[in-house]
Amino acid sequence: MTKNKLKSKVYIDGANVFYSQKKLGWSLDWQKVKDFIEDKKEVVEYRYYTGIKNDDDKMRKYLRYLNHIKFYTITKPLKKIKISESKFIYKCNFDVEITTDILLEKYSLDEMILFSGDSDFSYLIDKLKSMGKKVIVFSSKKTLSWELKLKASEIVYLEDIREKIERR
């Protein structure tokens, strides 16, 4: 381990980050994100969780890119949910998987870095902090829940580091 750098793992809620980017109007360059984080942290792994449609070649290409830059991708099929006679939405939730992975790995890390603004992670953050673990949340000001704002050990707003992490 590099001296003075905390041993960290990054957990990315792909759907949450996707909607954050839509609200922001710009996209993250994941290689730049890695460079930004690794300047201060010893990251042992990046995990990107996302749902995928059967014939989504664009998403498969994106996942290949993430694998190429050494992200471990975790996927499962999107569910098609009918919301009216003629309308449906696709949905996929990884809160349980992310929480489980973090809890299984909590003793081998100094801190966890979570890319999500989802309030569902509030209880997890409470538990980790009660064990002396640090939880850093990366999120947009537009999508960060007030629960995570109150619970996180540290918050990094994507807007504040835009020039360092934006895809051009």
C-alpha atoms as a PDB file:
ATOM      1  CA  MET A   1       0.000   0.000   0.000  1.00  0.00           C
ATOM      2  CA  THR A   2       1.206   3.469  -0.850  1.00  0.00           C
ATOM      3  CA  LYS A   3       2.108   5.509   2.225  1.00  0.00           C
ATOM      4  CA  ASN A   4      -0.552   7.941   3.451  1.00  0.00           C
ATOM      5  CA  LYS A   5      -3.143   6.753   0.944  1.00  0.00           C
ATOM      6  CA  LEU A   6      -6.245   5.044   2.284  1.00  0.00           C
ATOM      7  CA  LYS A   7      -7.175   1.673   0.800  1.00  0.00           C
ATOM      8  CA  SER A   8     -10.452   2.225  -1.048  1.00  0.00           C
ATOM      9  CA  LYS A   9     -12.923   0.547  -3.335  1.00  0.00           C
ATOM     10  CA  VAL A  10     -15.282   2.395  -5.661  1.00  0.00           C
ATOM     11  CA  TYR A  11     -18.898   1.286  -6.089  1.00  0.00           C
ATOM     12  CA  ILE A  12     -20.838   2.910  -8.934  1.00  0.00           C
ATOM     13  CA  ASP A  13     -24.627   2.808  -9.141  1.00  0.00           C
ATOM     14  CA  GLY A  14     -24.756   2.997 -12.944  1.00  0.00           C
ATOM     15  CA  ALA A  15     -28.429   3.958 -13.245  1.00  0.00           C
ATOM     16  CA  ASN A  16     -28.106   6.697 -10.642  1.00  0.00           C
ATOM     17  CA  VAL A  17     -25.008   8.136 -12.333  1.00  0.00           C
ATOM     18  CA  PHE A  18     -26.722   7.920 -15.744  1.00  0.00           C
ATOM     19  CA  TYR A  19     -29.626  10.058 -14.519  1.00  0.00           C
ATOM     20  CA  SER A  20     -27.247  12.460 -12.775  1.00  0.00           C
ATOM     21  CA  GLN A  21     -25.406  12.989 -16.055  1.00  0.00           C
ATOM     22  CA  LYS A  22     -28.716  13.598 -17.856  1.00  0.00           C
ATOM     23  CA  LYS A  23     -29.657  16.266 -15.298  1.00  0.00           C
ATOM     24  CA  LEU A  24     -26.195  17.820 -15.456  1.00  0.00           C
ATOM     25  CA  GLY A  25     -26.115  17.918 -19.252  1.00  0.00           C
ATOM     26  CA  TRP A  26     -22.585  16.513 -19.447  1.00  0.00           C
ATOM     27  CA  SER A  27     -20.909  13.122 -19.079  1.00  0.00           C
ATOM     28  CA  LEU A  28     -18.178  11.695 -16.913  1.00  0.00           C
ATOM     29  CA  ASP A  29     -14.929  10.479 -18.418  1.00  0.00           C
ATOM     30  CA  TRP A  30     -14.288   7.428 -16.270  1.00  0.00           C
ATOM     31  CA  GLN A  31     -10.548   7.428 -16.959  1.00  0.00           C
ATOM     32  CA  LYS A  32     -10.391  11.023 -15.700  1.00  0.00           C
ATOM     33  CA  VAL A  33     -12.471  10.004 -12.680  1.00  0.00           C
ATOM     34  CA  LYS A  34      -9.955   7.248 -11.940  1.00  0.00           C
ATOM     35  CA  ASP A  35      -7.040   9.672 -12.272  1.00  0.00           C
ATOM     36  CA  PHE A  36      -8.775  12.157  -9.948  1.00  0.00           C
ATOM     37  CA  ILE A  37      -9.458   9.552  -7.245  1.00  0.00           C
ATOM     38  CA  GLU A  38      -6.123   7.748  -7.515  1.00  0.00           C
ATOM     39  CA  ASP A  39      -4.284  10.997  -6.975  1.00  0.00           C
ATOM     40  CA  LYS A  40      -5.384  10.731  -3.323  1.00  0.00           C
ATOM     41  CA  LYS A  41      -6.416   7.101  -2.792  1.00  0.00           C
ATOM     42  CA  GLU A  42      -5.152   3.601  -3.273  1.00  0.00           C
ATOM     43  CA  VAL A  43      -8.081   2.070  -5.146  1.00  0.00           C
ATOM     44  CA  VAL A  44      -8.114  -1.719  -5.183  1.00  0.00           C
ATOM     45  CA  GLU A  45     -11.121  -1.997  -7.511  1.00  0.00           C
ATOM     46  CA  TYR A  46     -13.801  -0.097  -9.392  1.00  0.00           C
ATOM     47  CA  ARG A  47     -17.217  -1.766  -9.604  1.00  0.00           C
ATOM     48  CA  TYR A  48     -19.860  -0.532 -12.005  1.00  0.00           C
ATOM     49  CA  TYR A  49     -23.379  -1.933 -11.554  1.00  0.00           C
ATOM     50  CA  THR A  50     -25.934  -1.584 -14.356  1.00  0.00           C
ATOM     51  CA  GLY A  51     -28.916  -3.181 -16.010  1.00  0.00           C
ATOM     52  CA  ILE A  52     -28.827  -4.107 -19.662  1.00  0.00           C
ATOM     53  CA  LYS A  53     -31.419  -4.828 -22.364  1.00  0.00           C
ATOM     54  CA  ASN A  54     -30.990  -7.983 -24.467  1.00  0.00           C
ATOM     55  CA  ASP A  55     -30.129  -6.270 -27.746  1.00  0.00           C
ATOM     56  CA  ASP A  56     -28.383  -3.154 -26.432  1.00  0.00           C
ATOM     57  CA  ASP A  57     -25.170  -3.038 -28.461  1.00  0.00           C
ATOM     58  CA  LYS A  58     -24.442   0.542 -27.352  1.00  0.00           C
ATOM     59  CA  MET A  59     -24.432  -0.540 -23.676  1.00  0.00           C
ATOM     60  CA  ARG A  60     -22.306  -3.597 -24.476  1.00  0.00           C
ATOM     61  CA  LYS A  61     -19.753  -1.314 -26.170  1.00  0.00           C
ATOM     62  CA  TYR A  62     -19.805   0.975 -23.117  1.00  0.00           C
ATOM     63  CA  LEU A  63     -19.239  -2.006 -20.808  1.00  0.00           C
ATOM     64  CA  ARG A  64     -16.283  -3.144 -22.973  1.00  0.00           C
ATOM     65  CA  TYR A  65     -14.808   0.356 -22.561  1.00  0.00           C
ATOM     66  CA  LEU A  66     -15.243   0.134 -18.772  1.00  0.00           C
ATOM     67  CA  ASN A  67     -13.594  -3.301 -18.743  1.00  0.00           C
ATOM     68  CA  HIS A  68     -10.749  -1.924 -20.867  1.00  0.00           C
ATOM     69  CA  ILE A  69     -10.006   0.762 -18.249  1.00  0.00           C
ATOM     70  CA  LYS A  70     -10.085  -1.930 -15.539  1.00  0.00           C
ATOM     71  CA  PHE A  71     -13.610  -1.517 -14.145  1.00  0.00           C
ATOM     72  CA  TYR A  72     -15.306  -4.673 -12.964  1.00  0.00           C
ATOM     73  CA  THR A  73     -18.830  -4.556 -14.412  1.00  0.00           C
ATOM     74  CA  ILE A  74     -21.796  -6.255 -12.782  1.00  0.00           C
ATOM     75  CA  THR A  75     -24.924  -6.541 -14.924  1.00  0.00           C
ATOM     76  CA  LYS A  76     -28.362  -8.062 -14.911  1.00  0.00           C
ATOM     77  CA  PRO A  77     -31.307  -7.800 -17.307  1.00  0.00           C
ATOM     78  CA  LEU A  78     -33.491  -4.708 -17.152  1.00  0.00           C
ATOM     79  CA  LYS A  79     -37.101  -5.390 -16.210  1.00  0.00           C
ATOM     80  CA  LYS A  80     -39.823  -4.075 -18.496  1.00  0.00           C
ATOM     81  CA  ILE A  81     -42.528  -2.612 -16.263  1.00  0.00           C
ATOM     82  CA  LYS A  82     -45.937  -1.677 -17.642  1.00  0.00           C
ATOM     83  CA  ILE A  83     -47.125   1.688 -16.308  1.00  0.00           C
ATOM     84  CA  SER A  84     -50.254   2.024 -18.487  1.00  0.00           C
ATOM     85  CA  GLU A  85     -51.955   0.298 -21.421  1.00  0.00           C
ATOM     86  CA  SER A  86     -49.509   1.730 -23.919  1.00  0.00           C
ATOM     87  CA  LYS A  87     -46.519   2.762 -21.795  1.00  0.00           C
ATOM     88  CA  PHE A  88     -43.763   0.896 -20.047  1.00  0.00           C
ATOM     89  CA  ILE A  89     -40.419   1.683 -18.440  1.00  0.00           C
ATOM     90  CA  TYR A  90     -37.222  -0.282 -18.008  1.00  0.00           C
ATOM     91  CA  LYS A  91     -35.956  -0.617 -14.461  1.00  0.00           C
ATOM     92  CA  CYS A  92     -33.126  -2.327 -12.688  1.00  0.00           C
ATOM     93  CA  ASN A  93     -32.075  -1.863  -9.098  1.00  0.00           C
ATOM     94  CA  PHE A  94     -28.679  -2.818  -7.686  1.00  0.00           C
ATOM     95  CA  ASP A  95     -29.036  -1.486  -4.134  1.00  0.00           C
ATOM     96  CA  VAL A  96     -28.980  -4.979  -2.603  1.00  0.00           C
ATOM     97  CA  GLU A  97     -25.981  -6.110  -4.663  1.00  0.00           C
ATOM     98  CA  ILE A  98     -23.969  -2.979  -3.914  1.00  0.00           C
ATOM     99  CA  THR A  99     -24.828  -3.177  -0.207  1.00  0.00           C
ATOM    100  CA  THR A 100     -23.947  -6.876  -0.037  1.00  0.00           C
ATOM    101  CA  ASP A 101     -20.622  -6.394  -1.804  1.00  0.00           C
ATOM    102  CA  ILE A 102     -19.694  -3.497   0.481  1.00  0.00           C
ATOM    103  CA  LEU A 103     -20.593  -5.440   3.625  1.00  0.00           C
ATOM    104  CA  LEU A 104     -18.652  -8.509   2.488  1.00  0.00           C
ATOM    105  CA  GLU A 105     -15.556  -6.395   1.857  1.00  0.00           C
ATOM    106  CA  LYS A 106     -15.801  -3.913   4.741  1.00  0.00           C
ATOM    107  CA  TYR A 107     -12.942  -5.349   6.797  1.00  0.00           C
ATOM    108  CA  SER A 108     -10.408  -5.262   3.973  1.00  0.00           C
ATOM    109  CA  LEU A 109     -10.890  -1.548   3.224  1.00  0.00           C
ATOM    110  CA  ASP A 110     -10.260   1.757   4.976  1.00  0.00           C
ATOM    111  CA  GLU A 111     -13.036   3.502   3.119  1.00  0.00           C
ATOM    112  CA  MET A 112     -15.731   3.002   0.543  1.00  0.00           C
ATOM    113  CA  ILE A 113     -16.431   5.397  -2.304  1.00  0.00           C
ATOM    114  CA  LEU A 114     -20.022   5.385  -3.539  1.00  0.00           C
ATOM    115  CA  PHE A 115     -21.187   7.006  -6.759  1.00  0.00           C
ATOM    116  CA  SER A 116     -24.888   7.457  -6.016  1.00  0.00           C
ATOM    117  CA  GLY A 117     -27.256   9.951  -4.476  1.00  0.00           C
ATOM    118  CA  ASP A 118     -29.839   7.296  -3.597  1.00  0.00           C
ATOM    119  CA  SER A 119     -31.283   7.586  -0.089  1.00  0.00           C
ATOM    120  CA  ASP A 120     -31.577   3.786   0.061  1.00  0.00           C
ATOM    121  CA  PHE A 121     -27.885   3.716   0.993  1.00  0.00           C
ATOM    122  CA  SER A 122     -28.443   5.798   4.133  1.00  0.00           C
ATOM    123  CA  TYR A 123     -28.773   2.815   6.500  1.00  0.00           C
ATOM    124  CA  LEU A 124     -25.672   1.167   5.015  1.00  0.00           C
ATOM    125  CA  ILE A 125     -23.630   4.330   5.545  1.00  0.00           C
ATOM    126  CA  ASP A 126     -24.819   4.503   9.174  1.00  0.00           C
ATOM    127  CA  LYS A 127     -23.658   0.940   9.790  1.00  0.00           C
ATOM    128  CA  LEU A 128     -20.288   1.448   8.116  1.00  0.00           C
ATOM    129  CA  LYS A 129     -19.602   4.646  10.027  1.00  0.00           C
ATOM    130  CA  SER A 130     -20.510   2.932  13.321  1.00  0.00           C
ATOM    131  CA  MET A 131     -17.723   0.449  12.479  1.00  0.00           C
ATOM    132  CA  GLY A 132     -15.267   3.285  11.976  1.00  0.00           C
ATOM    133  CA  LYS A 133     -15.333   3.161   8.187  1.00  0.00           C
ATOM    134  CA  LYS A 134     -15.292   6.254   6.016  1.00  0.00           C
ATOM    135  CA  VAL A 135     -17.872   6.551   3.222  1.00  0.00           C
ATOM    136  CA  ILE A 136     -17.296   9.135   0.504  1.00  0.00           C
ATOM    137  CA  VAL A 137     -20.238   9.904  -1.752  1.00  0.00           C
ATOM    138  CA  PHE A 138     -19.764  11.282  -5.259  1.00  0.00           C
ATOM    139  CA  SER A 139     -22.989  12.760  -6.596  1.00  0.00           C
ATOM    140  CA  SER A 140     -24.556  15.710  -8.311  1.00  0.00           C
ATOM    141  CA  LYS A 141     -26.053  18.475  -6.204  1.00  0.00           C
ATOM    142  CA  LYS A 142     -29.176  17.931  -8.315  1.00  0.00           C
ATOM    143  CA  THR A 143     -29.586  14.234  -7.452  1.00  0.00           C
ATOM    144  CA  LEU A 144     -28.084  13.826  -3.979  1.00  0.00           C
ATOM    145  CA  SER A 145     -30.723  12.864  -1.416  1.00  0.00           C
ATOM    146  CA  TRP A 146     -30.799  14.852   1.806  1.00  0.00           C
ATOM    147  CA  GLU A 147     -30.325  11.582   3.744  1.00  0.00           C
ATOM    148  CA  LEU A 148     -26.949  10.918   2.115  1.00  0.00           C
ATOM    149  CA  LYS A 149     -26.011  14.568   2.460  1.00  0.00           C
ATOM    150  CA  LEU A 150     -26.411  14.170   6.228  1.00  0.00           C
ATOM    151  CA  LYS A 151     -24.830  10.710   6.535  1.00  0.00           C
ATOM    152  CA  ALA A 152     -21.790  10.622   4.247  1.00  0.00           C
ATOM    153  CA  SER A 153     -18.338  11.067   5.791  1.00  0.00           C
ATOM    154  CA  GLU A 154     -17.504  13.283   2.837  1.00  0.00           C
ATOM    155  CA  ILE A 155     -19.343  14.453  -0.268  1.00  0.00           C
ATOM    156  CA  VAL A 156     -17.725  15.232  -3.590  1.00  0.00           C
ATOM    157  CA  TYR A 157     -20.072  17.122  -5.875  1.00  0.00           C
ATOM    158  CA  LEU A 158     -19.563  16.278  -9.527  1.00  0.00           C
ATOM    159  CA  GLU A 159     -20.227  19.919 -10.442  1.00  0.00           C
ATOM    160  CA  ASP A 160     -17.290  21.037  -8.281  1.00  0.00           C
ATOM    161  CA  ILE A 161     -14.796  18.816 -10.121  1.00  0.00           C
ATOM    162  CA  ARG A 162     -16.324  19.070 -13.597  1.00  0.00           C
ATOM    163  CA  GLU A 163     -13.184  20.424 -15.270  1.00  0.00           C
ATOM    164  CA  LYS A 164     -11.223  17.419 -13.996  1.00  0.00           C
ATOM    165  CA  ILE A 165     -13.696  14.643 -14.875  1.00  0.00           C
ATOM    166  CA  GLU A 166     -15.849  15.786 -17.819  1.00  0.00           C
ATOM    167  CA  ARG A 167     -15.774  13.800 -21.062  1.00  0.00           C
ATOM    168  CA  ARG A 168     -14.906  16.145 -23.915  1.00  0.00           C
END
